[in-house]
Amino acid sequence: METTTKNKIKIFLVDDDLFCINLYQQGIKNLGYTDVSSFSDGRSCINNLNQNPGVIFLDHNMDNLNGFEVLKRIKSFNPNIYIVIVSAQEDIKTALSSFKYGVFDYIVKGDNELKKIENVLLRITQIQNILIKRLPNLDEQSSH
């Protein structure tokens, strides 16, 4: 039985800070993930959900739609997408609200954010591998 590999996970990066987008994209590709798309605003991300991303790294503070609005729309499109909020806000209320809306994790921008992204992707891959072993048809469904 085949397990999830890095190149089978489609990753979306959503941030209006192009420096962050480029940093994350390069860091994630350096980890061996090949299917990485970036969007500079939430609306572009929402308009491309038909590409079926498995993981979305979502900035909380963006101009047009804030992270919570984008998060709600993503979850209504597909509640099984792993969403990770990446934010400069260390406010505990913001983090707790994120989990209430169904995020997988919350990363504060700053020191070691690429290491935190790597750890989150590792955990998601481990979860996917467990699910595939328990539900063999899941792998076939996720690739469509």
C-alpha atoms as a PDB file:
ATOM      1  CA  MET A   1       0.000   0.000   0.000  1.00  0.00           C
ATOM      2  CA  GLU A   2       1.366   3.375  -1.027  1.00  0.00           C
ATOM      3  CA  THR A   3       1.757   6.082   1.591  1.00  0.00           C
ATOM      4  CA  THR A   4       1.575   9.828   1.175  1.00  0.00           C
ATOM      5  CA  THR A   5       4.688  11.323  -0.330  1.00  0.00           C
ATOM      6  CA  LYS A   6       5.789  14.928  -0.322  1.00  0.00           C
ATOM      7  CA  ASN A   7       5.129  15.366  -4.022  1.00  0.00           C
ATOM      8  CA  LYS A   8       1.508  14.219  -3.643  1.00  0.00           C
ATOM      9  CA  ILE A   9       0.568  17.025  -1.253  1.00  0.00           C
ATOM     10  CA  LYS A  10      -0.649  20.219  -2.922  1.00  0.00           C
ATOM     11  CA  ILE A  11       0.241  23.244  -0.784  1.00  0.00           C
ATOM     12  CA  PHE A  12      -1.205  26.756  -1.048  1.00  0.00           C
ATOM     13  CA  LEU A  13       0.580  29.760   0.452  1.00  0.00           C
ATOM     14  CA  VAL A  14      -1.616  32.817   1.008  1.00  0.00           C
ATOM     15  CA  ASP A  15       0.061  36.025   2.155  1.00  0.00           C
ATOM     16  CA  ASP A  16       0.050  39.607   0.919  1.00  0.00           C
ATOM     17  CA  ASP A  17       3.727  39.930   1.906  1.00  0.00           C
ATOM     18  CA  LEU A  18       5.716  38.805  -1.144  1.00  0.00           C
ATOM     19  CA  PHE A  19       8.898  38.410   0.901  1.00  0.00           C
ATOM     20  CA  CYS A  20       7.135  35.895   3.192  1.00  0.00           C
ATOM     21  CA  ILE A  21       5.583  34.062   0.232  1.00  0.00           C
ATOM     22  CA  ASN A  22       8.957  33.667  -1.481  1.00  0.00           C
ATOM     23  CA  LEU A  23      10.668  32.628   1.752  1.00  0.00           C
ATOM     24  CA  TYR A  24       8.035  30.001   2.566  1.00  0.00           C
ATOM     25  CA  GLN A  25       7.840  28.713  -0.997  1.00  0.00           C
ATOM     26  CA  GLN A  26      11.603  28.233  -1.237  1.00  0.00           C
ATOM     27  CA  GLY A  27      11.764  26.670   2.228  1.00  0.00           C
ATOM     28  CA  ILE A  28       8.953  24.220   1.470  1.00  0.00           C
ATOM     29  CA  LYS A  29      10.456  23.277  -1.901  1.00  0.00           C
ATOM     30  CA  ASN A  30      13.817  22.720  -0.169  1.00  0.00           C
ATOM     31  CA  LEU A  31      12.010  20.159   2.020  1.00  0.00           C
ATOM     32  CA  GLY A  32      11.088  18.192  -1.117  1.00  0.00           C
ATOM     33  CA  TYR A  33       7.503  19.354  -1.638  1.00  0.00           C
ATOM     34  CA  THR A  34       6.991  20.074  -5.319  1.00  0.00           C
ATOM     35  CA  ASP A  35       3.354  21.174  -5.715  1.00  0.00           C
ATOM     36  CA  VAL A  36       3.355  24.630  -4.096  1.00  0.00           C
ATOM     37  CA  SER A  37       1.187  27.528  -5.286  1.00  0.00           C
ATOM     38  CA  SER A  38       1.186  31.035  -3.866  1.00  0.00           C
ATOM     39  CA  PHE A  39      -1.508  33.695  -3.716  1.00  0.00           C
ATOM     40  CA  SER A  40      -1.174  37.300  -2.609  1.00  0.00           C
ATOM     41  CA  ASP A  41      -4.760  37.564  -1.377  1.00  0.00           C
ATOM     42  CA  GLY A  42      -7.531  35.417   0.031  1.00  0.00           C
ATOM     43  CA  ARG A  43      -9.880  35.850  -2.922  1.00  0.00           C
ATOM     44  CA  SER A  44      -7.315  34.333  -5.322  1.00  0.00           C
ATOM     45  CA  CYS A  45      -6.937  31.364  -2.993  1.00  0.00           C
ATOM     46  CA  ILE A  46     -10.705  30.852  -2.766  1.00  0.00           C
ATOM     47  CA  ASN A  47     -11.026  31.092  -6.562  1.00  0.00           C
ATOM     48  CA  ASN A  48      -8.476  28.265  -6.935  1.00  0.00           C
ATOM     49  CA  LEU A  49      -9.828  25.796  -4.357  1.00  0.00           C
ATOM     50  CA  ASN A  50     -10.962  23.587  -7.249  1.00  0.00           C
ATOM     51  CA  GLN A  51      -7.262  22.594  -7.511  1.00  0.00           C
ATOM     52  CA  ASN A  52      -7.890  20.658  -4.261  1.00  0.00           C
ATOM     53  CA  PRO A  53      -5.029  21.737  -2.012  1.00  0.00           C
ATOM     54  CA  GLY A  54      -4.293  19.468   0.916  1.00  0.00           C
ATOM     55  CA  VAL A  55      -2.614  22.146   3.035  1.00  0.00           C
ATOM     56  CA  ILE A  56      -3.060  25.915   3.102  1.00  0.00           C
ATOM     57  CA  PHE A  57      -0.722  28.257   4.971  1.00  0.00           C
ATOM     58  CA  LEU A  58      -2.854  31.358   5.468  1.00  0.00           C
ATOM     59  CA  ASP A  59      -1.796  34.788   6.659  1.00  0.00           C
ATOM     60  CA  HIS A  60      -4.219  36.243   9.191  1.00  0.00           C
ATOM     61  CA  ASN A  61      -3.814  39.948   8.348  1.00  0.00           C
ATOM     62  CA  MET A  62      -4.496  40.638   4.686  1.00  0.00           C
ATOM     63  CA  ASP A  63      -6.032  43.660   3.004  1.00  0.00           C
ATOM     64  CA  ASN A  64      -9.156  42.453   1.177  1.00  0.00           C
ATOM     65  CA  LEU A  65     -10.412  39.485   3.182  1.00  0.00           C
ATOM     66  CA  ASN A  66      -8.963  38.739   6.595  1.00  0.00           C
ATOM     67  CA  GLY A  67      -7.756  35.271   7.458  1.00  0.00           C
ATOM     68  CA  PHE A  68     -10.940  34.301   9.323  1.00  0.00           C
ATOM     69  CA  GLU A  69     -13.159  35.146   6.343  1.00  0.00           C
ATOM     70  CA  VAL A  70     -10.921  33.142   3.997  1.00  0.00           C
ATOM     71  CA  LEU A  71     -10.740  30.325   6.555  1.00  0.00           C
ATOM     72  CA  LYS A  72     -14.543  30.064   6.790  1.00  0.00           C
ATOM     73  CA  ARG A  73     -14.887  29.963   3.011  1.00  0.00           C
ATOM     74  CA  ILE A  74     -12.195  27.307   2.649  1.00  0.00           C
ATOM     75  CA  LYS A  75     -13.825  25.156   5.350  1.00  0.00           C
ATOM     76  CA  SER A  76     -17.248  25.493   3.700  1.00  0.00           C
ATOM     77  CA  PHE A  77     -15.668  24.395   0.389  1.00  0.00           C
ATOM     78  CA  ASN A  78     -13.818  21.442   1.939  1.00  0.00           C
ATOM     79  CA  PRO A  79     -13.633  20.920   5.717  1.00  0.00           C
ATOM     80  CA  ASN A  80     -10.798  18.390   5.312  1.00  0.00           C
ATOM     81  CA  ILE A  81      -8.166  20.839   4.066  1.00  0.00           C
ATOM     82  CA  TYR A  82      -5.425  21.366   6.643  1.00  0.00           C
ATOM     83  CA  ILE A  83      -5.238  25.097   7.304  1.00  0.00           C
ATOM     84  CA  VAL A  84      -2.328  26.645   9.167  1.00  0.00           C
ATOM     85  CA  ILE A  85      -2.603  30.298  10.160  1.00  0.00           C
ATOM     86  CA  VAL A  86       0.701  32.159   9.874  1.00  0.00           C
ATOM     87  CA  SER A  87       0.485  35.507  11.611  1.00  0.00           C
ATOM     88  CA  ALA A  88       2.589  38.257  13.108  1.00  0.00           C
ATOM     89  CA  GLN A  89      -0.017  38.462  15.873  1.00  0.00           C
ATOM     90  CA  GLU A  90       0.905  36.724  19.081  1.00  0.00           C
ATOM     91  CA  ASP A  91      -2.519  37.539  20.538  1.00  0.00           C
ATOM     92  CA  ILE A  92      -3.876  34.456  22.298  1.00  0.00           C
ATOM     93  CA  LYS A  93      -7.477  35.417  21.442  1.00  0.00           C
ATOM     94  CA  THR A  94      -6.652  35.395  17.724  1.00  0.00           C
ATOM     95  CA  ALA A  95      -4.993  31.994  18.047  1.00  0.00           C
ATOM     96  CA  LEU A  96      -7.899  30.525  20.025  1.00  0.00           C
ATOM     97  CA  SER A  97     -10.427  31.911  17.544  1.00  0.00           C
ATOM     98  CA  SER A  98      -8.439  30.264  14.742  1.00  0.00           C
ATOM     99  CA  PHE A  99      -8.779  26.867  16.381  1.00  0.00           C
ATOM    100  CA  LYS A 100     -12.496  27.471  16.908  1.00  0.00           C
ATOM    101  CA  TYR A 101     -12.813  27.877  13.131  1.00  0.00           C
ATOM    102  CA  GLY A 102     -10.972  24.604  12.531  1.00  0.00           C
ATOM    103  CA  VAL A 103      -7.332  25.426  11.832  1.00  0.00           C
ATOM    104  CA  PHE A 104      -4.778  22.662  12.209  1.00  0.00           C
ATOM    105  CA  ASP A 105      -2.094  24.910  13.708  1.00  0.00           C
ATOM    106  CA  TYR A 106      -1.112  28.521  14.335  1.00  0.00           C
ATOM    107  CA  ILE A 107       2.405  29.784  13.597  1.00  0.00           C
ATOM    108  CA  VAL A 108       3.664  33.161  14.779  1.00  0.00           C
ATOM    109  CA  LYS A 109       5.898  34.876  12.223  1.00  0.00           C
ATOM    110  CA  GLY A 110       9.405  35.527  13.423  1.00  0.00           C
ATOM    111  CA  ASP A 111      12.098  33.214  14.698  1.00  0.00           C
ATOM    112  CA  ASN A 112      12.144  29.677  13.315  1.00  0.00           C
ATOM    113  CA  GLU A 113       8.945  29.978  11.280  1.00  0.00           C
ATOM    114  CA  LEU A 114      10.403  27.770   8.523  1.00  0.00           C
ATOM    115  CA  LYS A 115      11.239  25.093  11.111  1.00  0.00           C
ATOM    116  CA  LYS A 116       7.672  25.359  12.456  1.00  0.00           C
ATOM    117  CA  ILE A 117       6.301  24.999   8.909  1.00  0.00           C
ATOM    118  CA  GLU A 118       8.494  21.917   8.425  1.00  0.00           C
ATOM    119  CA  ASN A 119       7.191  20.390  11.680  1.00  0.00           C
ATOM    120  CA  VAL A 120       3.567  21.050  10.720  1.00  0.00           C
ATOM    121  CA  LEU A 121       4.067  19.448   7.300  1.00  0.00           C
ATOM    122  CA  LEU A 122       5.698  16.436   8.952  1.00  0.00           C
ATOM    123  CA  ARG A 123       2.720  16.020  11.310  1.00  0.00           C
ATOM    124  CA  ILE A 124       0.229  16.346   8.450  1.00  0.00           C
ATOM    125  CA  THR A 125       2.134  13.748   6.416  1.00  0.00           C
ATOM    126  CA  GLN A 126       2.131  11.371   9.398  1.00  0.00           C
ATOM    127  CA  ILE A 127      -1.619  11.837   9.882  1.00  0.00           C
ATOM    128  CA  GLN A 128      -2.260  11.250   6.173  1.00  0.00           C
ATOM    129  CA  ASN A 129      -0.193   8.059   6.247  1.00  0.00           C
ATOM    130  CA  ILE A 130      -2.187   6.755   9.228  1.00  0.00           C
ATOM    131  CA  LEU A 131      -5.492   7.614   7.540  1.00  0.00           C
ATOM    132  CA  ILE A 132      -4.430   5.910   4.313  1.00  0.00           C
ATOM    133  CA  LYS A 133      -3.520   2.734   6.209  1.00  0.00           C
ATOM    134  CA  ARG A 134      -6.876   2.742   8.009  1.00  0.00           C
ATOM    135  CA  LEU A 135      -8.926   3.878   5.003  1.00  0.00           C
ATOM    136  CA  PRO A 136      -7.198   2.548   1.872  1.00  0.00           C
ATOM    137  CA  ASN A 137      -9.638   4.273  -0.501  1.00  0.00           C
ATOM    138  CA  LEU A 138      -8.743   7.678   0.935  1.00  0.00           C
ATOM    139  CA  ASP A 139      -5.548   7.841  -1.120  1.00  0.00           C
ATOM    140  CA  GLU A 140      -7.480   7.262  -4.356  1.00  0.00           C
ATOM    141  CA  GLN A 141     -10.083   9.889  -3.431  1.00  0.00           C
ATOM    142  CA  SER A 142      -7.536  12.544  -2.476  1.00  0.00           C
ATOM    143  CA  SER A 143      -5.743  12.267  -5.806  1.00  0.00           C
ATOM    144  CA  HIS A 144      -8.875  13.244  -7.768  1.00  0.00           C
END
